[in-house]
Each structure stands twice: as structure tokens, then as C-alpha cells.
PDB file of N, CA and C in Angstrom:
ATOM      1  N   MET A   1       1.098  -4.544  31.589  1.00  0.00           N
ATOM      2  CA  MET A   1      -0.071  -5.194  29.946  1.00  0.00           C
ATOM      3  C   MET A   1       0.466  -5.584  29.586  1.00  0.00           C
ATOM      4  N   SER A   2      -0.259  -7.089  29.030  1.00  0.00           N
ATOM      5  CA  SER A   2       0.528  -7.648  27.776  1.00  0.00           C
ATOM      6  C   SER A   2       0.732  -7.175  27.245  1.00  0.00           C
ATOM      7  N   ASN A   3       1.662  -8.437  25.997  1.00  0.00           N
ATOM      8  CA  ASN A   3       1.599  -7.514  24.314  1.00  0.00           C
ATOM      9  C   ASN A   3       0.173  -7.906  23.600  1.00  0.00           C
ATOM     10  N   GLN A   4      -0.426  -8.921  23.379  1.00  0.00           N
ATOM     11  CA  GLN A   4      -1.879  -8.428  23.286  1.00  0.00           C
ATOM     12  C   GLN A   4      -2.675  -6.978  23.508  1.00  0.00           C
ATOM     13  N   ILE A   5      -2.579  -6.714  24.597  1.00  0.00           N
ATOM     14  CA  ILE A   5      -4.052  -5.501  24.810  1.00  0.00           C
ATOM     15  C   ILE A   5      -2.469  -4.243  24.203  1.00  0.00           C
ATOM     16  N   HIS A   6      -1.254  -4.516  24.260  1.00  0.00           N
ATOM     17  CA  HIS A   6      -0.480  -3.561  23.741  1.00  0.00           C
ATOM     18  C   HIS A   6      -1.056  -3.290  22.138  1.00  0.00           C
ATOM     19  N   ASN A   7      -0.870  -4.806  21.449  1.00  0.00           N
ATOM     20  CA  ASN A   7      -0.958  -4.056  19.954  1.00  0.00           C
ATOM     21  C   ASN A   7      -2.296  -4.161  20.149  1.00  0.00           C
ATOM     22  N   GLU A   8      -3.181  -4.625  20.597  1.00  0.00           N
ATOM     23  CA  GLU A   8      -4.668  -3.831  20.126  1.00  0.00           C
ATOM     24  C   GLU A   8      -4.651  -2.705  19.726  1.00  0.00           C
ATOM     25  N   ARG A   9      -4.313  -2.095  20.952  1.00  0.00           N
ATOM     26  CA  ARG A   9      -3.638  -0.682  21.457  1.00  0.00           C
ATOM     27  C   ARG A   9      -3.241  -0.690  20.020  1.00  0.00           C
ATOM     28  N   VAL A  10      -2.571  -0.443  19.276  1.00  0.00           N
ATOM     29  CA  VAL A  10      -1.737  -0.145  18.380  1.00  0.00           C
ATOM     30  C   VAL A  10      -2.535   0.118  17.345  1.00  0.00           C
ATOM     31  N   LYS A  11      -3.066  -1.662  16.875  1.00  0.00           N
ATOM     32  CA  LYS A  11      -4.075  -1.560  16.002  1.00  0.00           C
ATOM     33  C   LYS A  11      -5.241  -0.292  16.070  1.00  0.00           C
ATOM     34  N   LEU A  12      -5.622  -0.452  16.847  1.00  0.00           N
ATOM     35  CA  LEU A  12      -6.785   0.743  16.947  1.00  0.00           C
ATOM     36  C   LEU A  12      -6.409   2.249  16.716  1.00  0.00           C
ATOM     37  N   ARG A  13      -4.924   2.661  17.104  1.00  0.00           N
ATOM     38  CA  ARG A  13      -5.122   3.914  16.736  1.00  0.00           C
ATOM     39  C   ARG A  13      -4.320   3.661  15.466  1.00  0.00           C
ATOM     40  N   ALA A  14      -3.378   3.076  14.846  1.00  0.00           N
ATOM     41  CA  ALA A  14      -3.107   2.964  13.218  1.00  0.00           C
ATOM     42  C   ALA A  14      -4.503   2.822  12.572  1.00  0.00           C
ATOM     43  N   ASP A  15      -5.851   1.904  12.617  1.00  0.00           N
ATOM     44  CA  ASP A  15      -7.175   2.187  12.376  1.00  0.00           C
ATOM     45  C   ASP A  15      -7.411   3.834  12.029  1.00  0.00           C
ATOM     46  N   TYR A  16      -7.649   4.342  13.085  1.00  0.00           N
ATOM     47  CA  TYR A  16      -8.542   5.560  13.418  1.00  0.00           C
ATOM     48  C   TYR A  16      -7.268   6.456  13.009  1.00  0.00           C
ATOM     49  N   ILE A  17      -6.404   6.584  12.292  1.00  0.00           N
ATOM     50  CA  ILE A  17      -5.189   7.344  11.521  1.00  0.00           C
ATOM     51  C   ILE A  17      -6.079   7.288  10.240  1.00  0.00           C
ATOM     52  N   ASN A  18      -5.848   6.241   9.933  1.00  0.00           N
ATOM     53  CA  ASN A  18      -6.656   5.488   8.822  1.00  0.00           C
ATOM     54  C   ASN A  18      -7.316   5.599   8.497  1.00  0.00           C
ATOM     55  N   ASN A  19      -8.261   6.129   9.081  1.00  0.00           N
ATOM     56  CA  ASN A  19      -9.582   6.640   8.439  1.00  0.00           C
ATOM     57  C   ASN A  19      -9.611   7.943   8.555  1.00  0.00           C
ATOM     58  N   LEU A  20      -8.698   8.720   9.157  1.00  0.00           N
ATOM     59  CA  LEU A  20      -8.633   9.772   8.953  1.00  0.00           C
ATOM     60  C   LEU A  20      -8.296  10.437   7.519  1.00  0.00           C
ATOM     61  N   ALA A  21      -7.545   9.783   6.975  1.00  0.00           N
ATOM     62  CA  ALA A  21      -6.686   9.906   5.784  1.00  0.00           C
ATOM     63  C   ALA A  21      -7.914   9.065   4.907  1.00  0.00           C
ATOM     64  N   ALA A  22      -8.833   8.547   5.362  1.00  0.00           N
ATOM     65  CA  ALA A  22      -9.651   8.519   3.951  1.00  0.00           C
ATOM     66  C   ALA A  22     -11.348   9.404   4.247  1.00  0.00           C
ATOM     67  N   VAL A  23     -10.969  10.340   4.531  1.00  0.00           N
ATOM     68  CA  VAL A  23     -11.754  11.347   5.405  1.00  0.00           C
ATOM     69  C   VAL A  23     -11.387  12.772   4.379  1.00  0.00           C
ATOM     70  N   ALA A  24      -9.651  12.355   4.813  1.00  0.00           N
ATOM     71  CA  ALA A  24      -9.356  13.952   3.983  1.00  0.00           C
ATOM     72  C   ALA A  24      -9.185  13.261   2.700  1.00  0.00           C
ATOM     73  N   MET A  25      -8.683  12.340   1.844  1.00  0.00           N
ATOM     74  CA  MET A  25      -8.603  12.248   0.453  1.00  0.00           C
ATOM     75  C   MET A  25     -10.269  12.320   0.028  1.00  0.00           C
ATOM     76  N   SER A  26     -11.375  12.223   0.402  1.00  0.00           N
ATOM     77  CA  SER A  26     -12.692  12.264   0.381  1.00  0.00           C
ATOM     78  C   SER A  26     -13.120  13.428  -0.113  1.00  0.00           C
ATOM     79  N   THR A  27     -12.701  14.604   1.162  1.00  0.00           N
ATOM     80  CA  THR A  27     -13.214  16.047   1.512  1.00  0.00           C
ATOM     81  C   THR A  27     -12.559  16.619   0.266  1.00  0.00           C
ATOM     82  N   GLY A  28     -11.351  16.240   0.236  1.00  0.00           N
ATOM     83  CA  GLY A  28     -10.079  17.142  -0.417  1.00  0.00           C
ATOM     84  C   GLY A  28      -9.598  16.953  -1.705  1.00  0.00           C
ATOM     85  N   VAL A  29      -9.660  15.946  -1.872  1.00  0.00           N
ATOM     86  CA  VAL A  29      -9.394  14.761  -3.390  1.00  0.00           C
ATOM     87  C   VAL A  29     -10.722  14.776  -4.091  1.00  0.00           C
ATOM     88  N   ILE A  30     -11.573  13.629  -3.727  1.00  0.00           N
ATOM     89  CA  ILE A  30     -12.370  13.244  -4.462  1.00  0.00           C
ATOM     90  C   ILE A  30     -13.931  14.066  -4.780  1.00  0.00           C
ATOM     91  N   ILE A  31     -13.999  15.023  -4.039  1.00  0.00           N
ATOM     92  CA  ILE A  31     -15.427  16.058  -3.850  1.00  0.00           C
ATOM     93  C   ILE A  31     -15.203  17.074  -4.726  1.00  0.00           C
ATOM     94  N   PRO A  32     -13.846  17.989  -4.782  1.00  0.00           N
ATOM     95  CA  PRO A  32     -13.142  19.027  -5.534  1.00  0.00           C
ATOM     96  C   PRO A  32     -13.171  18.007  -7.520  1.00  0.00           C
ATOM     97  N   ALA A  33     -13.056  17.123  -7.061  1.00  0.00           N
ATOM     98  CA  ALA A  33     -12.693  16.374  -8.721  1.00  0.00           C
ATOM     99  C   ALA A  33     -14.170  16.272  -9.587  1.00  0.00           C
ATOM    100  N   VAL A  34     -14.773  15.705  -8.117  1.00  0.00           N
ATOM    101  CA  VAL A  34     -16.496  15.502  -8.812  1.00  0.00           C
ATOM    102  C   VAL A  34     -16.822  16.741  -9.014  1.00  0.00           C
ATOM    103  N   THR A  35     -16.825  17.502  -8.340  1.00  0.00           N
ATOM    104  CA  THR A  35     -17.590  19.255  -8.445  1.00  0.00           C
ATOM    105  C   THR A  35     -17.128  20.154  -9.320  1.00  0.00           C
ATOM    106  N   ALA A  36     -15.833  19.839  -9.679  1.00  0.00           N
ATOM    107  CA  ALA A  36     -15.502  20.299 -10.919  1.00  0.00           C
ATOM    108  C   ALA A  36     -15.534  19.586 -12.709  1.00  0.00           C
ATOM    109  N   THR A  37     -15.816  17.981 -12.532  1.00  0.00           N
ATOM    110  CA  THR A  37     -15.918  17.379 -13.456  1.00  0.00           C
ATOM    111  C   THR A  37     -17.493  18.092 -13.884  1.00  0.00           C
ATOM    112  N   LEU A  38     -18.523  17.797 -12.969  1.00  0.00           N
ATOM    113  CA  LEU A  38     -19.860  18.150 -12.898  1.00  0.00           C
ATOM    114  C   LEU A  38     -20.486  19.172 -13.537  1.00  0.00           C
ATOM    115  N   THR A  39     -19.464  20.342 -13.167  1.00  0.00           N
ATOM    116  CA  THR A  39     -19.516  21.615 -13.656  1.00  0.00           C
ATOM    117  C   THR A  39     -19.097  22.526 -14.592  1.00  0.00           C
ATOM    118  N   THR A  40     -19.134  23.327 -15.199  1.00  0.00           N
ATOM    119  CA  THR A  40     -18.921  23.668 -16.455  1.00  0.00           C
ATOM    120  C   THR A  40     -17.855  24.794 -16.063  1.00  0.00           C
ATOM    121  N   GLN A  41     -17.520  24.950 -14.887  1.00  0.00           N
ATOM    122  CA  GLN A  41     -16.226  25.776 -14.414  1.00  0.00           C
ATOM    123  C   GLN A  41     -15.312  25.347 -14.937  1.00  0.00           C
ATOM    124  N   GLU A  42     -13.783  26.230 -15.089  1.00  0.00           N
ATOM    125  CA  GLU A  42     -13.089  25.574 -15.104  1.00  0.00           C
ATOM    126  C   GLU A  42     -11.948  25.298 -14.369  1.00  0.00           C
ATOM    127  N   LEU A  43     -10.801  24.703 -14.116  1.00  0.00           N
ATOM    128  CA  LEU A  43     -10.425  24.226 -12.437  1.00  0.00           C
ATOM    129  C   LEU A  43      -9.632  25.446 -13.007  1.00  0.00           C
ATOM    130  N   GLY A  44      -9.618  26.595 -11.534  1.00  0.00           N
ATOM    131  CA  GLY A  44      -9.164  27.092 -10.998  1.00  0.00           C
ATOM    132  C   GLY A  44      -8.260  26.950  -9.638  1.00  0.00           C
ATOM    133  N   TRP A  45      -7.801  28.087  -8.751  1.00  0.00           N
ATOM    134  CA  TRP A  45      -7.081  27.794  -7.649  1.00  0.00           C
ATOM    135  C   TRP A  45      -8.241  27.222  -6.667  1.00  0.00           C
ATOM    136  N   ARG A  46      -9.680  27.177  -6.795  1.00  0.00           N
ATOM    137  CA  ARG A  46     -10.169  26.839  -5.710  1.00  0.00           C
ATOM    138  C   ARG A  46     -10.971  25.746  -5.309  1.00  0.00           C
ATOM    139  N   THR A  47     -10.432  24.960  -6.561  1.00  0.00           N
ATOM    140  CA  THR A  47     -10.353  23.606  -6.743  1.00  0.00           C
ATOM    141  C   THR A  47      -9.416  22.514  -6.598  1.00  0.00           C
ATOM    142  N   LEU A  48      -7.624  23.309  -7.149  1.00  0.00           N
ATOM    143  CA  LEU A  48      -6.580  22.793  -7.276  1.00  0.00           C
ATOM    144  C   LEU A  48      -6.319  22.665  -5.789  1.00  0.00           C
ATOM    145  N   VAL A  49      -6.479  23.986  -4.816  1.00  0.00           N
ATOM    146  CA  VAL A  49      -5.489  23.934  -3.527  1.00  0.00           C
ATOM    147  C   VAL A  49      -6.357  23.232  -2.599  1.00  0.00           C
ATOM    148  N   PRO A  50      -7.131  22.934  -2.521  1.00  0.00           N
ATOM    149  CA  PRO A  50      -8.026  21.590  -1.859  1.00  0.00           C
ATOM    150  C   PRO A  50      -7.600  19.968  -2.237  1.00  0.00           C
ATOM    151  N   PHE A  51      -7.544  19.916  -3.717  1.00  0.00           N
ATOM    152  CA  PHE A  51      -6.851  18.999  -4.053  1.00  0.00           C
ATOM    153  C   PHE A  51      -5.453  19.082  -3.456  1.00  0.00           C
ATOM    154  N   PHE A  52      -4.616  19.579  -3.315  1.00  0.00           N
ATOM    155  CA  PHE A  52      -3.372  19.133  -3.310  1.00  0.00           C
ATOM    156  C   PHE A  52      -2.755  18.942  -1.569  1.00  0.00           C
ATOM    157  N   VAL A  53      -4.017  19.826  -1.153  1.00  0.00           N
ATOM    158  CA  VAL A  53      -3.755  19.670   0.269  1.00  0.00           C
ATOM    159  C   VAL A  53      -4.525  18.664   0.632  1.00  0.00           C
ATOM    160  N   GLY A  54      -5.868  18.148   0.174  1.00  0.00           N
ATOM    161  CA  GLY A  54      -6.119  16.593   0.602  1.00  0.00           C
ATOM    162  C   GLY A  54      -5.611  15.812   0.451  1.00  0.00           C
ATOM    163  N   ALA A  55      -4.746  15.840  -0.863  1.00  0.00           N
ATOM    164  CA  ALA A  55      -3.548  14.285  -1.374  1.00  0.00           C
ATOM    165  C   ALA A  55      -2.971  14.417  -0.018  1.00  0.00           C
ATOM    166  N   ALA A  56      -1.902  15.864   0.238  1.00  0.00           N
ATOM    167  CA  ALA A  56      -1.230  16.010   1.155  1.00  0.00           C
ATOM    168  C   ALA A  56      -1.486  15.202   2.013  1.00  0.00           C
ATOM    169  N   ALA A  57      -2.552  15.950   2.813  1.00  0.00           N
ATOM    170  CA  ALA A  57      -2.885  15.310   4.059  1.00  0.00           C
ATOM    171  C   ALA A  57      -3.528  13.539   4.111  1.00  0.00           C
ATOM    172  N   ALA A  58      -3.943  13.273   3.290  1.00  0.00           N
ATOM    173  CA  ALA A  58      -4.340  12.402   3.002  1.00  0.00           C
ATOM    174  C   ALA A  58      -2.854  10.818   3.031  1.00  0.00           C
ATOM    175  N   THR A  59      -1.873  11.514   2.320  1.00  0.00           N
ATOM    176  CA  THR A  59      -0.566  10.777   1.938  1.00  0.00           C
ATOM    177  C   THR A  59      -0.371  10.776   3.617  1.00  0.00           C
ATOM    178  N   GLY A  60       0.074  11.880   4.078  1.00  0.00           N
ATOM    179  CA  GLY A  60       1.036  11.816   5.213  1.00  0.00           C
ATOM    180  C   GLY A  60       0.410  10.995   6.517  1.00  0.00           C
ATOM    181  N   LEU A  61      -0.841  11.076   6.761  1.00  0.00           N
ATOM    182  CA  LEU A  61      -1.643  10.315   7.927  1.00  0.00           C
ATOM    183  C   LEU A  61      -1.639   9.045   7.137  1.00  0.00           C
ATOM    184  N   ARG A  62      -1.390   8.743   5.900  1.00  0.00           N
ATOM    185  CA  ARG A  62      -1.563   7.070   5.945  1.00  0.00           C
ATOM    186  C   ARG A  62      -0.092   6.479   5.956  1.00  0.00           C
ATOM    187  N   LEU A  63       0.944   7.729   5.673  1.00  0.00           N
ATOM    188  CA  LEU A  63       2.025   7.115   6.058  1.00  0.00           C
ATOM    189  C   LEU A  63       2.332   6.904   7.511  1.00  0.00           C
ATOM    190  N   LEU A  64       1.680   7.906   8.660  1.00  0.00           N
ATOM    191  CA  LEU A  64       1.682   8.106  10.149  1.00  0.00           C
ATOM    192  C   LEU A  64       1.048   6.389  10.915  1.00  0.00           C
ATOM    193  N   ALA A  65      -0.638   6.109   9.816  1.00  0.00           N
ATOM    194  CA  ALA A  65      -0.887   4.723  10.283  1.00  0.00           C
ATOM    195  C   ALA A  65       0.015   3.605   9.962  1.00  0.00           C
ATOM    196  N   THR A  66       0.500   3.627   8.804  1.00  0.00           N
ATOM    197  CA  THR A  66       1.915   2.732   8.303  1.00  0.00           C
ATOM    198  C   THR A  66       2.869   3.130   9.592  1.00  0.00           C
ATOM    199  N   ALA A  67       3.640   4.106   9.980  1.00  0.00           N
ATOM    200  CA  ALA A  67       4.340   3.900  11.158  1.00  0.00           C
ATOM    201  C   ALA A  67       3.944   3.443  12.848  1.00  0.00           C
ATOM    202  N   GLU A  68       2.574   3.454  12.592  1.00  0.00           N
ATOM    203  CA  GLU A  68       2.567   3.560  13.930  1.00  0.00           C
ATOM    204  C   GLU A  68       2.267   1.598  14.107  1.00  0.00           C
ATOM    205  N   LEU A  69       2.660   1.257  13.446  1.00  0.00           N
ATOM    206  CA  LEU A  69       2.310  -0.415  13.651  1.00  0.00           C
ATOM    207  C   LEU A  69       3.639  -1.037  13.579  1.00  0.00           C
ATOM    208  N   GLY A  70       4.365   0.090  13.571  1.00  0.00           N
ATOM    209  CA  GLY A  70       5.939  -0.338  13.971  1.00  0.00           C
ATOM    210  C   GLY A  70       6.233  -1.095  15.092  1.00  0.00           C
ATOM    211  N   TYR A  71       4.503  -0.645  15.716  1.00  0.00           N
ATOM    212  CA  TYR A  71       5.142  -0.608  17.596  1.00  0.00           C
ATOM    213  C   TYR A  71       4.733  -1.451  17.655  1.00  0.00           C
ATOM    214  N   LEU A  72       4.269  -2.352  16.668  1.00  0.00           N
ATOM    215  CA  LEU A  72       3.285  -3.740  17.633  1.00  0.00           C
ATOM    216  C   LEU A  72       4.694  -4.732  18.097  1.00  0.00           C
ATOM    217  N   LYS A  73       4.524  -5.408  18.796  1.00  0.00           N
ATOM    218  CA  LYS A  73       5.469  -5.813  19.891  1.00  0.00           C
ATOM    219  C   LYS A  73       4.705  -7.609  19.417  1.00  0.00           C
ATOM    220  N   GLU A  74       6.302  -8.390  19.475  1.00  0.00           N
ATOM    221  CA  GLU A  74       5.758 -10.158  19.173  1.00  0.00           C
ATOM    222  C   GLU A  74       5.557 -10.222  20.306  1.00  0.00           C
ATOM    223  N   ASP A  75       4.598 -11.853  20.069  1.00  0.00           N
ATOM    224  CA  ASP A  75       4.185 -12.400  21.211  1.00  0.00           C
ATOM    225  C   ASP A  75       5.589 -13.040  22.543  1.00  0.00           C
TER     226      ASP A  75
END
């Protein structure tokens, strides 16, 4: 397999993982924050747990995507 094909596959994997990080960020962080802002409820564990889990998942997936790009080969 040529280096160009290998590099494109690596970039596709990294892009896929990065998109998963964006989904984790939106569902775990943004949606609970907006919901807490728009409602009159106090910030409880039902808001904070998904917030921190989503933030941790998004950060971990983003770091994994960055590490995946380390497998690129030079031409």
C-alpha cells in the first residue's frame, strides 16, 4: 500500500474520532448547560454528571484523534 493511501486512511480515522468528540461535547456539555440556563431549576447532579462525563469523553477522543495523526508516513 502506498504512503498516500495509508495517510488518507489515517486522516479518515482521525476525522471520524474527532467527529465523535464533537458529538460527545454537544450532547454531554452544551445541551445540559443550555438546559440548565433556560430552566429555573438549580444545578444538581443530573446536570453536572453529564457535563463532566461529556467533557472528559470529548477531551479523550480529541487527544486520541491527535495521536492517530502521529501514524502519518512521509512521502
